[in-house]
């Protein structure tokens, strides 16, 4: 692929769409229950699948601390811890969360780390990350969800975590139908259903804001998700969510920006068992904002592809500093997925002027 001025060329990935087939084999392992996701934000963890992975090739750590014109202003390692409340320690957020899995033809690596400025100021990580598997065998469906709370809002990290938990529960309860639609490539059904779930999740945040006496514009979050089938014969990969961030495809040694355009959010009425603020008897402190525009993309992966979903903390330097994209392309192209430690080292390579939290999920296709 051609490049201009050292920066990866940007073009739509129309050839990445496709129809797939309905067949199933896959791995088994611990299943996440939709109603028990609250403890998945508090530790560094690794998903173990039923199929033993191949012996990993030697993977040197990334030698770079930063790329670009000069070193960033802040220290590269954590300094000040966020303040903790003795009676609300469950709301504390670790500096870094790291996860991974391998199913069928793909390998997942995901990470969420506190930005340099938050580390310096002793502020909590505003990004939240959730990885969960629902179901077993080839019928299983994996969700990667990441959210970013509103800037300069004290409870931004709580809103981000709540957004991930809510979409996790919603996807978990509907995972059988979603997995069927995914294997059958029912793109229209997937778009409509996920649009509805996402819209309801944001409205839930508005309800929580009213309960806390907050402006709904403060207790809110962007939300970006990937749905990945455990079925080894299914190459469909589904992205959906709201808000800014990045979706990139690494193919032929270069990153391509494939972020889908946002479409207006729907205004579907809630189901009888899914009522919002007025039904809960909680008066809204302020009028809720309009639903955020929805983003959706159902794609067909090719062997050798690396699909990267991220929050703005990584998307902005990838778009703004060609050296970062070139470095990660060299590290991730034409090889198997890196180990967890190497993936963390790669994603934390810094760029001067970009100091926000970074959350990313990358899928390597065999």
Protein backbone atom coordinates (compact mmCIF):
# COMPACT_ATOMS: atom_id res chain seq x y z
CA UNK A 1 0.00 0.00 0.00
CA UNK A 2 1.25 3.48 -0.82
CA UNK A 3 2.10 6.02 1.85
CA UNK A 4 2.27 9.79 1.66
CA UNK A 5 4.82 11.77 3.62
CA UNK A 6 5.57 8.75 5.81
CA UNK A 7 1.97 8.61 7.06
CA UNK A 8 -0.24 5.59 6.36
CA UNK A 9 -2.70 6.26 3.54
CA UNK A 10 -6.36 6.32 4.57
CA UNK A 11 -8.99 4.66 2.44
CA UNK A 12 -12.29 2.77 2.93
CA UNK A 13 -12.02 -0.98 3.28
CA UNK A 14 -14.88 -2.02 1.00
CA UNK A 15 -13.09 -5.26 0.12
CA UNK A 16 -13.17 -6.25 3.80
CA UNK A 17 -16.88 -7.01 3.78
CA UNK A 18 -18.20 -10.45 2.98
CA UNK A 19 -20.74 -13.22 3.39
CA UNK A 20 -19.84 -16.10 5.64
CA UNK A 21 -21.01 -19.61 6.35
CA UNK A 22 -22.67 -21.36 9.26
CA UNK A 23 -20.46 -24.05 10.76
CA UNK A 24 -19.01 -24.43 14.21
CA UNK A 25 -16.10 -25.83 16.10
CA UNK A 26 -14.32 -24.04 18.89
CA UNK A 27 -12.75 -23.91 22.30
CA UNK A 28 -14.23 -24.25 25.73
CA UNK A 29 -13.28 -22.59 28.97
CA UNK A 30 -14.58 -20.45 31.83
CA UNK A 31 -17.73 -18.59 30.86
CA UNK A 32 -18.54 -15.08 32.11
CA UNK A 33 -22.02 -14.73 33.55
CA UNK A 34 -23.75 -11.53 32.38
CA UNK A 35 -24.66 -10.59 35.97
CA UNK A 36 -21.22 -11.12 37.53
CA UNK A 37 -19.01 -8.73 35.63
CA UNK A 38 -18.30 -6.15 38.34
CA UNK A 39 -15.01 -7.72 39.46
CA UNK A 40 -13.44 -7.75 36.00
CA UNK A 41 -12.03 -4.23 36.34
CA UNK A 42 -9.77 -4.87 39.33
CA UNK A 43 -6.93 -7.15 38.26
CA UNK A 44 -4.49 -8.00 35.53
CA UNK A 45 -5.67 -11.27 34.02
CA UNK A 46 -5.31 -13.67 31.13
CA UNK A 47 -8.01 -15.82 29.53
CA UNK A 48 -6.99 -19.48 29.18
CA UNK A 49 -8.65 -21.36 26.33
CA UNK A 50 -9.23 -25.06 25.99
CA UNK A 51 -6.77 -25.43 23.07
CA UNK A 52 -3.10 -25.20 24.12
CA UNK A 53 -1.32 -22.47 22.12
CA UNK A 54 1.74 -23.14 20.03
CA UNK A 55 5.04 -22.47 21.78
CA UNK A 56 5.60 -18.71 21.52
CA UNK A 57 8.45 -17.40 19.45
CA UNK A 58 11.03 -15.26 21.27
CA UNK A 59 9.55 -11.79 21.56
CA UNK A 60 11.90 -8.94 22.47
CA UNK A 61 10.42 -6.03 24.35
CA UNK A 62 9.95 -2.84 22.39
CA UNK A 63 13.18 -0.84 22.72
CA UNK A 64 11.41 2.50 22.31
CA UNK A 65 10.06 4.70 25.08
CA UNK A 66 8.81 7.39 22.69
CA UNK A 67 8.70 8.43 19.04
CA UNK A 68 8.47 11.86 17.46
CA UNK A 69 10.26 15.16 17.91
CA UNK A 70 11.32 14.72 21.52
CA UNK A 71 10.61 13.09 24.87
CA UNK A 72 7.19 13.71 26.45
CA UNK A 73 6.94 16.05 29.40
CA UNK A 74 5.83 13.50 31.98
CA UNK A 75 7.63 10.62 33.62
CA UNK A 76 7.13 7.32 31.73
CA UNK A 77 6.18 5.37 34.86
CA UNK A 78 3.32 5.88 37.35
CA UNK A 79 3.97 8.44 40.07
CA UNK A 80 0.98 9.62 42.16
CA UNK A 81 -1.85 7.25 43.04
CA UNK A 82 -5.47 8.44 42.86
CA UNK A 83 -7.13 9.28 46.16
CA UNK A 84 -9.13 6.39 47.65
CA UNK A 85 -12.30 6.43 49.76
CA UNK A 86 -12.17 3.94 52.67
CA UNK A 87 -15.84 3.02 52.26
CA UNK A 88 -15.76 2.82 48.46
CA UNK A 89 -12.64 0.85 47.63
CA UNK A 90 -14.57 -1.12 45.01
CA UNK A 91 -14.52 2.08 42.95
CA UNK A 92 -10.73 2.19 42.81
CA UNK A 93 -9.20 1.66 39.37
CA UNK A 94 -5.79 0.00 38.77
CA UNK A 95 -3.23 1.83 36.68
CA UNK A 96 -3.12 -0.89 34.01
CA UNK A 97 -5.30 -3.82 32.91
CA UNK A 98 -3.99 -6.42 30.47
CA UNK A 99 -5.83 -9.35 28.88
CA UNK A 100 -5.69 -11.83 26.04
CA UNK A 101 -7.24 -14.93 24.47
CA UNK A 102 -6.94 -17.29 21.52
CA UNK A 103 -9.85 -18.93 19.70
CA UNK A 104 -10.03 -20.54 16.27
CA UNK A 105 -8.26 -18.37 13.72
CA UNK A 106 -7.66 -15.31 15.86
CA UNK A 107 -5.64 -14.13 18.85
CA UNK A 108 -6.69 -11.20 21.03
CA UNK A 109 -4.57 -8.79 23.02
CA UNK A 110 -6.14 -5.94 25.00
CA UNK A 111 -4.80 -3.32 27.37
CA UNK A 112 -5.94 -0.22 29.24
CA UNK A 113 -3.37 2.03 30.89
CA UNK A 114 -3.49 5.36 32.66
CA UNK A 115 -2.22 8.33 30.70
CA UNK A 116 0.92 10.24 31.60
CA UNK A 117 -0.99 13.33 32.74
CA UNK A 118 -3.31 11.31 35.01
CA UNK A 119 -0.31 9.49 36.49
CA UNK A 120 1.37 12.79 37.24
CA UNK A 121 -1.72 14.41 38.79
CA UNK A 122 -2.84 11.34 40.74
CA UNK A 123 -6.11 11.04 38.82
CA UNK A 124 -7.84 7.71 38.12
CA UNK A 125 -7.85 6.10 34.70
CA UNK A 126 -10.96 7.37 32.85
CA UNK A 127 -10.86 4.43 30.44
CA UNK A 128 -12.49 1.10 31.30
CA UNK A 129 -11.91 -2.26 29.61
CA UNK A 130 -13.99 -5.43 29.67
CA UNK A 131 -13.26 -8.75 27.94
CA UNK A 132 -15.78 -11.56 28.39
CA UNK A 133 -16.83 -14.85 26.78
CA UNK A 134 -20.44 -15.99 26.73
CA UNK A 135 -21.38 -19.54 25.79
CA UNK A 136 -19.24 -22.58 25.05
CA UNK A 137 -17.58 -24.31 22.12
CA UNK A 138 -18.19 -23.03 18.64
CA UNK A 139 -21.35 -21.28 19.81
CA UNK A 140 -19.40 -18.96 22.12
CA UNK A 141 -19.25 -15.23 21.56
CA UNK A 142 -16.52 -12.93 22.88
CA UNK A 143 -17.02 -9.28 23.69
CA UNK A 144 -14.37 -6.62 24.04
CA UNK A 145 -15.81 -3.36 25.39
CA UNK A 146 -13.95 -0.14 26.18
CA UNK A 147 -15.32 3.16 27.40
CA UNK A 148 -13.98 6.62 28.26
CA UNK A 149 -15.60 8.90 30.82
CA UNK A 150 -16.08 12.62 30.32
CA UNK A 151 -12.95 14.73 30.79
CA UNK A 152 -12.50 16.74 34.03
CA UNK A 153 -15.40 14.89 35.68
CA UNK A 154 -14.61 13.36 39.10
CA UNK A 155 -16.74 10.26 38.49
CA UNK A 156 -15.71 9.71 34.87
CA UNK A 157 -14.08 6.37 35.69
CA UNK A 158 -17.31 5.15 37.31
CA UNK A 159 -19.40 6.05 34.27
CA UNK A 160 -16.94 4.25 31.96
CA UNK A 161 -16.98 1.11 34.10
CA UNK A 162 -20.78 1.16 34.30
CA UNK A 163 -21.08 1.50 30.52
CA UNK A 164 -18.88 -1.56 30.01
CA UNK A 165 -20.72 -3.61 32.60
CA UNK A 166 -24.13 -2.73 31.18
CA UNK A 167 -23.25 -3.60 27.57
CA UNK A 168 -21.57 -6.77 28.84
CA UNK A 169 -24.74 -7.90 30.59
CA UNK A 170 -26.89 -6.98 27.58
CA UNK A 171 -24.68 -8.86 25.12
CA UNK A 172 -24.39 -11.81 27.50
CA UNK A 173 -28.16 -12.18 27.79
CA UNK A 174 -28.52 -12.05 23.98
CA UNK A 175 -25.35 -13.91 23.03
CA UNK A 176 -27.04 -16.94 21.43
CA UNK A 177 -29.06 -14.82 19.01
CA UNK A 178 -26.10 -12.53 18.34
CA UNK A 179 -23.82 -15.50 17.62
CA UNK A 180 -26.37 -16.95 15.20
CA UNK A 181 -26.72 -13.63 13.37
CA UNK A 182 -22.96 -13.30 13.26
CA UNK A 183 -22.37 -16.76 11.76
CA UNK A 184 -25.17 -16.22 9.23
CA UNK A 185 -23.84 -12.73 8.37
CA UNK A 186 -27.19 -11.05 9.12
CA UNK A 187 -25.68 -7.59 9.04
CA UNK A 188 -28.98 -5.65 9.15
CA UNK A 189 -30.22 -7.61 12.17
CA UNK A 190 -26.93 -7.12 13.97
CA UNK A 191 -26.91 -3.38 13.29
CA UNK A 192 -30.47 -2.91 14.51
CA UNK A 193 -30.08 -5.03 17.63
CA UNK A 194 -26.73 -3.59 18.71
CA UNK A 195 -27.92 -0.06 18.00
CA UNK A 196 -30.86 -0.64 20.34
CA UNK A 197 -28.67 -2.15 23.08
CA UNK A 198 -26.17 0.72 22.86
CA UNK A 199 -28.88 3.36 23.00
CA UNK A 200 -30.40 1.74 26.09
CA UNK A 201 -27.01 1.55 27.77
CA UNK A 202 -26.45 5.29 27.36
CA UNK A 203 -29.91 6.00 28.73
CA UNK A 204 -29.03 3.88 31.75
CA UNK A 205 -26.11 6.21 32.39
CA UNK A 206 -28.51 9.17 32.32
CA UNK A 207 -30.64 7.41 34.92
CA UNK A 208 -27.56 6.86 37.09
CA UNK A 209 -26.62 10.51 36.67
CA UNK A 210 -30.04 11.56 37.98
CA UNK A 211 -29.66 9.24 40.98
CA UNK A 212 -26.30 10.84 41.75
CA UNK A 213 -27.61 14.36 41.22
CA UNK A 214 -25.28 14.93 38.28
CA UNK A 215 -25.65 16.51 34.88
CA UNK A 216 -26.11 13.66 32.34
CA UNK A 217 -23.44 15.33 30.19
CA UNK A 218 -20.95 14.73 33.01
CA UNK A 219 -21.84 11.16 33.94
CA UNK A 220 -21.50 9.71 30.45
CA UNK A 221 -18.99 7.78 28.37
CA UNK A 222 -18.00 6.85 24.86
CA UNK A 223 -18.38 3.13 24.17
CA UNK A 224 -16.59 0.96 21.61
CA UNK A 225 -17.05 -2.80 21.26
CA UNK A 226 -15.92 -5.81 19.25
CA UNK A 227 -17.85 -9.06 18.86
CA UNK A 228 -15.67 -12.06 18.00
CA UNK A 229 -16.98 -15.59 17.31
CA UNK A 230 -15.23 -18.61 18.79
CA UNK A 231 -16.29 -20.58 15.70
CA UNK A 232 -13.07 -21.29 13.80
CA UNK A 233 -14.91 -21.22 10.44
CA UNK A 234 -16.50 -17.81 10.98
CA UNK A 235 -14.45 -14.81 9.84
CA UNK A 236 -17.04 -12.16 10.71
CA UNK A 237 -15.81 -9.42 13.04
CA UNK A 238 -18.34 -6.85 14.31
CA UNK A 239 -17.53 -3.39 15.65
CA UNK A 240 -20.14 -1.10 17.21
CA UNK A 241 -20.37 1.81 19.62
CA UNK A 242 -20.61 5.54 20.05
CA UNK A 243 -18.18 8.43 20.37
CA UNK A 244 -14.69 9.13 19.13
CA UNK A 245 -11.83 6.69 18.98
CA UNK A 246 -10.19 4.59 16.33
CA UNK A 247 -10.68 1.46 14.24
CA UNK A 248 -7.65 0.50 12.17
CA UNK A 249 -6.70 -2.36 9.90
CA UNK A 250 -3.06 -3.37 9.64
CA UNK A 251 -2.64 -5.09 6.27
CA UNK A 252 0.36 -5.40 3.96
CA UNK A 253 2.57 -3.63 6.49
CA UNK A 254 0.55 -0.40 6.79
CA UNK A 255 -2.29 0.89 8.93
CA UNK A 256 -5.56 1.87 7.27
CA UNK A 257 -8.07 4.06 9.09
CA UNK A 258 -11.41 2.24 8.72
CA UNK A 259 -13.41 4.10 11.37
CA UNK A 260 -17.06 3.88 10.20
CA UNK A 261 -19.15 6.98 9.86
CA UNK A 262 -21.55 7.76 12.68
CA UNK A 263 -25.28 7.48 12.02
CA UNK A 264 -28.01 9.14 14.10
CA UNK A 265 -28.98 7.16 17.17
CA UNK A 266 -32.36 5.51 17.30
CA UNK A 267 -35.16 6.48 19.63
CA UNK A 268 -36.61 3.03 20.36
CA UNK A 269 -38.88 2.76 23.37
CA UNK A 270 -37.58 0.60 26.22
CA UNK A 271 -39.00 -2.84 26.81
CA UNK A 272 -41.31 -3.38 29.77
CA UNK A 273 -38.43 -4.74 31.87
CA UNK A 274 -36.00 -2.05 30.78
CA UNK A 275 -37.46 1.19 32.11
CA UNK A 276 -35.45 4.33 32.66
CA UNK A 277 -35.44 7.34 34.95
CA UNK A 278 -39.14 8.21 35.05
CA UNK A 279 -40.18 4.61 35.70
CA UNK A 280 -37.72 4.38 38.56
CA UNK A 281 -39.34 7.41 40.17
CA UNK A 282 -36.10 9.38 40.00
CA UNK A 283 -36.57 12.96 38.80
CA UNK A 284 -34.07 13.98 36.16
CA UNK A 285 -31.91 16.85 37.40
CA UNK A 286 -31.59 18.19 33.85
CA UNK A 287 -32.95 17.15 30.46
CA UNK A 288 -31.04 14.18 29.10
CA UNK A 289 -28.99 14.82 25.95
CA UNK A 290 -29.95 13.29 22.63
CA UNK A 291 -28.64 9.77 22.04
CA UNK A 292 -25.10 9.75 20.68
CA UNK A 293 -24.52 8.86 17.02
CA UNK A 294 -24.02 5.13 16.48
CA UNK A 295 -21.12 3.46 14.67
CA UNK A 296 -21.28 -0.05 13.21
CA UNK A 297 -19.20 -2.23 10.95
CA UNK A 298 -19.45 -5.94 10.13
CA UNK A 299 -16.31 -7.14 8.39
CA UNK A 300 -14.67 -10.19 6.87
CA UNK A 301 -11.15 -10.79 8.14
CA UNK A 302 -8.32 -12.15 6.01
CA UNK A 303 -5.36 -14.22 7.19
CA UNK A 304 -2.54 -11.91 8.22
CA UNK A 305 -4.82 -9.00 9.14
CA UNK A 306 -4.53 -7.20 12.46
CA UNK A 307 -7.67 -5.32 13.52
CA UNK A 308 -7.09 -2.59 16.13
CA UNK A 309 -9.85 -0.89 18.12
CA UNK A 310 -8.83 1.88 20.52
CA UNK A 311 -9.91 4.94 22.46
CA UNK A 312 -8.82 8.43 21.46
CA UNK A 313 -5.73 8.16 23.68
CA UNK A 314 -4.13 5.88 21.08
CA UNK A 315 -6.17 6.83 18.01
CA UNK A 316 -5.06 10.48 18.05
CA UNK A 317 -1.29 9.81 18.14
CA UNK A 318 -1.70 7.08 15.51
CA UNK A 319 -3.34 9.62 13.23
CA UNK A 320 -1.11 12.54 14.21
CA UNK A 321 2.39 11.01 14.46
CA UNK A 322 3.44 8.87 11.46
CA UNK A 323 6.39 7.44 13.39
CA UNK A 324 4.08 5.69 15.86
CA UNK A 325 2.07 3.96 13.13
CA UNK A 326 5.27 2.94 11.36
CA UNK A 327 6.75 1.54 14.56
CA UNK A 328 3.66 -0.50 15.48
CA UNK A 329 3.30 -1.73 11.90
CA UNK A 330 6.86 -3.08 12.02
CA UNK A 331 6.22 -4.73 15.36
CA UNK A 332 2.89 -6.34 14.49
CA UNK A 333 3.07 -7.20 10.77
CA UNK A 334 3.84 -10.62 9.33
CA UNK A 335 4.15 -12.42 12.64
CA UNK A 336 2.11 -14.12 15.32
CA UNK A 337 0.53 -12.08 18.07
CA UNK A 338 2.98 -10.75 20.67
CA UNK A 339 2.87 -11.93 24.25
CA UNK A 340 1.06 -9.85 26.82
CA UNK A 341 4.20 -8.12 28.11
CA UNK A 342 5.38 -7.27 24.59
CA UNK A 343 1.93 -5.95 23.64
CA UNK A 344 1.94 -3.70 26.70
CA UNK A 345 5.42 -2.42 25.80
CA UNK A 346 4.28 -1.67 22.24
CA UNK A 347 1.11 0.18 23.17
CA UNK A 348 2.83 2.36 25.77
CA UNK A 349 5.34 3.90 23.32
CA UNK A 350 4.69 7.57 23.91
CA UNK A 351 4.37 10.66 21.72
CA UNK A 352 4.95 14.21 22.96
CA UNK A 353 1.67 16.10 23.23
CA UNK A 354 -0.47 13.00 23.71
CA UNK A 355 -0.87 12.15 27.39
CA UNK A 356 -4.39 10.67 27.72
CA UNK A 357 -5.32 7.16 28.84
CA UNK A 358 -4.73 4.50 26.23
CA UNK A 359 -7.00 1.52 25.72
CA UNK A 360 -6.61 -0.82 22.78
CA UNK A 361 -7.67 -4.26 21.57
CA UNK A 362 -5.88 -5.95 18.66
CA UNK A 363 -6.97 -9.12 16.87
CA UNK A 364 -4.37 -11.13 14.91
CA UNK A 365 -5.83 -13.35 12.17
CA UNK A 366 -4.08 -16.65 11.45
